[in-house]
Amino acid sequence: MTYEPQVNDYVKWKKGVEGWVYFKDKEYITIEYSVRPKDEVNLECCPIHRNERLLVVCYPEQWKELEYVKSRKSVYEEEKKCLAIAC
């Protein structure tokens, strides 16, 4: 059976990329490779998103190169842990 990635799965890709599956469609998924807080200027321009994300596109024919690591219930699960340790 072939692994089919789901949103909130943590995956490793043979290309040296690892991260959370951020979006899934029948045509591709995106893997959240990097997250960083916006600087003050960018936050003022678009306050609805507090972070900048670098997403990598992975097409269905490449899903066989993904290794499933773990899942989380929600994207907010990571934020709660971060707040608990005062990131």
N, C-alpha and C. Protein backbone atom coordinates (compact mmCIF):
# COMPACT_ATOMS: atom_id res chain seq x y z
N MET A 1 0.83 -1.18 0.00
CA MET A 1 0.00 0.00 0.00
C MET A 1 0.88 1.25 0.00
N THR A 2 0.52 2.24 -0.80
CA THR A 2 1.28 3.47 -0.91
C THR A 2 0.78 4.49 0.10
N TYR A 3 1.71 5.20 0.71
CA TYR A 3 1.35 6.25 1.67
C TYR A 3 0.72 7.43 0.93
N GLU A 4 -0.40 7.91 1.43
CA GLU A 4 -1.03 9.11 0.88
C GLU A 4 -1.00 10.19 1.96
N PRO A 5 -0.23 11.24 1.74
CA PRO A 5 -0.06 12.27 2.77
C PRO A 5 -1.37 12.98 3.09
N GLN A 6 -1.48 13.41 4.34
CA GLN A 6 -2.64 14.16 4.83
C GLN A 6 -2.15 15.44 5.49
N VAL A 7 -3.00 16.46 5.51
CA VAL A 7 -2.67 17.70 6.22
C VAL A 7 -2.37 17.36 7.67
N ASN A 8 -1.35 17.98 8.21
CA ASN A 8 -0.86 17.80 9.59
C ASN A 8 -0.07 16.51 9.80
N ASP A 9 0.34 15.85 8.71
CA ASP A 9 1.34 14.78 8.80
C ASP A 9 2.72 15.41 8.73
N TYR A 10 3.65 14.89 9.51
CA TYR A 10 5.05 15.32 9.40
C TYR A 10 5.74 14.31 8.51
N VAL A 11 6.38 14.78 7.44
CA VAL A 11 6.99 13.89 6.45
C VAL A 11 8.44 14.26 6.19
N LYS A 12 9.20 13.27 5.75
CA LYS A 12 10.56 13.48 5.24
C LYS A 12 10.54 13.11 3.77
N TRP A 13 11.12 13.96 2.96
CA TRP A 13 11.18 13.73 1.52
C TRP A 13 12.62 13.42 1.16
N LYS A 14 12.84 12.50 0.26
CA LYS A 14 14.20 12.09 -0.13
C LYS A 14 15.05 13.25 -0.61
N LYS A 15 14.44 14.34 -1.03
CA LYS A 15 15.18 15.50 -1.54
C LYS A 15 15.79 16.34 -0.42
N GLY A 16 15.72 15.87 0.82
CA GLY A 16 16.30 16.60 1.95
C GLY A 16 15.34 17.60 2.58
N VAL A 17 14.09 17.49 2.26
CA VAL A 17 13.06 18.37 2.81
C VAL A 17 12.26 17.60 3.85
N GLU A 18 11.99 18.24 4.98
CA GLU A 18 11.08 17.64 5.95
C GLU A 18 10.26 18.73 6.58
N GLY A 19 9.03 18.38 6.94
CA GLY A 19 8.14 19.35 7.57
C GLY A 19 6.71 18.86 7.57
N TRP A 20 5.82 19.74 7.99
CA TRP A 20 4.39 19.43 8.09
C TRP A 20 3.71 19.60 6.75
N VAL A 21 2.80 18.68 6.42
CA VAL A 21 1.97 18.85 5.23
C VAL A 21 0.99 19.97 5.56
N TYR A 22 1.07 21.05 4.80
CA TYR A 22 0.31 22.28 5.09
C TYR A 22 -0.97 22.34 4.28
N PHE A 23 -0.95 21.80 3.06
CA PHE A 23 -2.10 21.83 2.16
C PHE A 23 -2.09 20.57 1.31
N LYS A 24 -3.30 20.05 1.01
CA LYS A 24 -3.40 18.88 0.16
C LYS A 24 -4.51 19.08 -0.85
N ASP A 25 -4.22 18.70 -2.08
CA ASP A 25 -5.17 18.72 -3.18
C ASP A 25 -4.87 17.49 -4.01
N LYS A 26 -5.72 17.13 -4.94
CA LYS A 26 -5.44 15.96 -5.78
C LYS A 26 -4.24 16.22 -6.70
N GLU A 27 -3.92 17.48 -6.93
CA GLU A 27 -2.83 17.84 -7.85
C GLU A 27 -1.47 17.98 -7.17
N TYR A 28 -1.44 18.31 -5.87
CA TYR A 28 -0.18 18.49 -5.16
C TYR A 28 -0.42 18.66 -3.67
N ILE A 29 0.66 18.56 -2.89
CA ILE A 29 0.65 18.96 -1.48
C ILE A 29 1.72 20.03 -1.30
N THR A 30 1.62 20.76 -0.21
CA THR A 30 2.72 21.65 0.16
C THR A 30 3.26 21.18 1.50
N ILE A 31 4.56 21.25 1.64
CA ILE A 31 5.25 20.88 2.87
C ILE A 31 5.83 22.16 3.47
N GLU A 32 5.49 22.41 4.72
CA GLU A 32 5.97 23.61 5.42
C GLU A 32 7.42 23.36 5.84
N TYR A 33 8.32 23.99 5.12
CA TYR A 33 9.75 23.76 5.32
C TYR A 33 10.34 24.70 6.38
N SER A 34 9.80 25.92 6.43
CA SER A 34 10.35 26.91 7.35
C SER A 34 9.25 27.90 7.76
N VAL A 35 9.29 28.33 9.02
CA VAL A 35 8.36 29.34 9.53
C VAL A 35 9.18 30.34 10.33
N ARG A 36 8.88 31.63 10.11
CA ARG A 36 9.54 32.66 10.91
C ARG A 36 8.56 33.81 11.14
N PRO A 37 8.70 34.51 12.26
CA PRO A 37 7.81 35.64 12.54
C PRO A 37 8.06 36.77 11.53
N LYS A 38 7.00 37.47 11.19
CA LYS A 38 7.13 38.64 10.32
C LYS A 38 7.80 39.77 11.08
N ASP A 39 8.51 40.62 10.35
CA ASP A 39 9.03 41.83 10.98
C ASP A 39 7.88 42.82 11.15
N GLU A 40 8.09 43.88 11.89
CA GLU A 40 7.03 44.83 12.23
C GLU A 40 6.39 45.46 10.99
N VAL A 41 7.18 45.82 9.98
CA VAL A 41 6.64 46.45 8.78
C VAL A 41 5.69 45.50 8.05
N ASN A 42 6.11 44.27 7.85
CA ASN A 42 5.25 43.30 7.16
C ASN A 42 4.01 42.95 7.99
N LEU A 43 4.16 42.93 9.30
CA LEU A 43 3.02 42.63 10.16
C LEU A 43 1.98 43.76 10.08
N GLU A 44 2.44 45.00 10.01
CA GLU A 44 1.52 46.13 9.87
C GLU A 44 0.78 46.08 8.53
N CYS A 45 1.46 45.65 7.47
CA CYS A 45 0.86 45.60 6.14
C CYS A 45 -0.17 44.47 6.02
N CYS A 46 0.05 43.39 6.72
CA CYS A 46 -0.87 42.24 6.64
C CYS A 46 -0.95 41.59 8.02
N PRO A 47 -1.75 42.15 8.92
CA PRO A 47 -1.79 41.64 10.30
C PRO A 47 -2.56 40.32 10.49
N ILE A 48 -3.23 39.83 9.45
CA ILE A 48 -3.98 38.58 9.64
C ILE A 48 -3.08 37.36 9.72
N HIS A 49 -1.84 37.47 9.24
CA HIS A 49 -0.87 36.37 9.34
C HIS A 49 0.35 36.88 10.09
N ARG A 50 0.70 36.21 11.17
CA ARG A 50 1.82 36.66 11.99
C ARG A 50 3.17 36.09 11.54
N ASN A 51 3.12 35.03 10.73
CA ASN A 51 4.36 34.37 10.31
C ASN A 51 4.49 34.32 8.79
N GLU A 52 5.74 34.20 8.35
CA GLU A 52 6.04 33.92 6.95
C GLU A 52 6.37 32.44 6.86
N ARG A 53 5.88 31.79 5.81
CA ARG A 53 6.12 30.36 5.64
C ARG A 53 6.77 30.10 4.29
N LEU A 54 7.73 29.19 4.30
CA LEU A 54 8.32 28.70 3.06
C LEU A 54 7.73 27.32 2.82
N LEU A 55 6.95 27.19 1.73
CA LEU A 55 6.28 25.94 1.40
C LEU A 55 6.90 25.33 0.16
N VAL A 56 7.07 24.02 0.17
CA VAL A 56 7.64 23.27 -0.95
C VAL A 56 6.52 22.44 -1.57
N VAL A 57 6.41 22.48 -2.89
CA VAL A 57 5.37 21.74 -3.61
C VAL A 57 5.86 20.32 -3.89
N CYS A 58 4.98 19.36 -3.69
CA CYS A 58 5.27 17.94 -3.95
C CYS A 58 4.08 17.35 -4.71
N TYR A 59 4.34 16.83 -5.91
CA TYR A 59 3.29 16.31 -6.78
C TYR A 59 3.03 14.83 -6.50
N PRO A 60 1.82 14.34 -6.84
CA PRO A 60 1.45 12.95 -6.52
C PRO A 60 2.45 11.89 -6.98
N GLU A 61 3.08 12.09 -8.13
CA GLU A 61 4.06 11.10 -8.60
C GLU A 61 5.31 11.07 -7.70
N GLN A 62 5.46 12.09 -6.83
CA GLN A 62 6.61 12.14 -5.91
C GLN A 62 6.24 11.65 -4.51
N TRP A 63 4.96 11.40 -4.25
CA TRP A 63 4.54 11.00 -2.90
C TRP A 63 5.19 9.70 -2.47
N LYS A 64 5.57 8.86 -3.41
CA LYS A 64 6.24 7.60 -3.05
C LYS A 64 7.62 7.85 -2.43
N GLU A 65 8.15 9.07 -2.61
CA GLU A 65 9.45 9.44 -2.03
C GLU A 65 9.32 10.00 -0.61
N LEU A 66 8.08 10.11 -0.11
CA LEU A 66 7.86 10.65 1.23
C LEU A 66 7.87 9.55 2.28
N GLU A 67 8.42 9.88 3.42
CA GLU A 67 8.41 8.98 4.57
C GLU A 67 7.54 9.62 5.66
N TYR A 68 6.52 8.92 6.09
CA TYR A 68 5.65 9.40 7.17
C TYR A 68 6.41 9.32 8.49
N VAL A 69 6.36 10.39 9.29
CA VAL A 69 7.02 10.40 10.59
C VAL A 69 6.00 10.38 11.72
N LYS A 70 5.06 11.34 11.70
CA LYS A 70 4.04 11.43 12.75
C LYS A 70 2.93 12.35 12.29
N SER A 71 1.89 12.46 13.09
CA SER A 71 0.78 13.36 12.80
C SER A 71 0.51 14.23 14.02
N ARG A 72 -0.17 15.34 13.78
CA ARG A 72 -0.67 16.18 14.86
C ARG A 72 -2.16 16.41 14.60
N LYS A 73 -2.91 16.70 15.64
CA LYS A 73 -4.34 16.92 15.47
C LYS A 73 -4.63 18.23 14.76
N SER A 74 -3.81 19.24 15.03
CA SER A 74 -4.08 20.58 14.52
C SER A 74 -2.78 21.38 14.45
N VAL A 75 -2.75 22.37 13.59
CA VAL A 75 -1.61 23.27 13.50
C VAL A 75 -1.40 24.00 14.83
N TYR A 76 -2.47 24.19 15.60
CA TYR A 76 -2.39 24.90 16.86
C TYR A 76 -1.73 24.09 17.96
N GLU A 77 -1.62 22.79 17.77
CA GLU A 77 -0.94 21.92 18.72
C GLU A 77 0.51 22.36 18.91
N GLU A 78 1.19 22.70 17.82
CA GLU A 78 2.59 23.16 17.90
C GLU A 78 2.68 24.50 18.60
N GLU A 79 1.75 25.43 18.33
CA GLU A 79 1.78 26.74 18.95
C GLU A 79 1.62 26.65 20.45
N LYS A 80 0.77 25.75 20.94
CA LYS A 80 0.57 25.59 22.37
C LYS A 80 1.87 25.13 23.04
N LYS A 81 2.58 24.19 22.41
CA LYS A 81 3.85 23.71 22.96
C LYS A 81 4.86 24.85 22.99
N CYS A 82 4.88 25.65 21.94
CA CYS A 82 5.83 26.76 21.86
C CYS A 82 5.54 27.79 22.97
N LEU A 83 4.29 28.11 23.19
CA LEU A 83 3.93 29.05 24.25
C LEU A 83 4.28 28.49 25.62
N ALA A 84 4.13 27.20 25.80
CA ALA A 84 4.42 26.57 27.08
C ALA A 84 5.90 26.66 27.43
N ILE A 85 6.78 26.66 26.41
CA ILE A 85 8.21 26.74 26.69
C ILE A 85 8.76 28.13 26.40
N ALA A 86 7.85 29.10 26.20
CA ALA A 86 8.22 30.50 26.00
C ALA A 86 9.16 30.72 24.83
N CYS A 87 8.75 30.29 23.66
CA CYS A 87 9.55 30.50 22.44
C CYS A 87 9.65 31.97 22.11
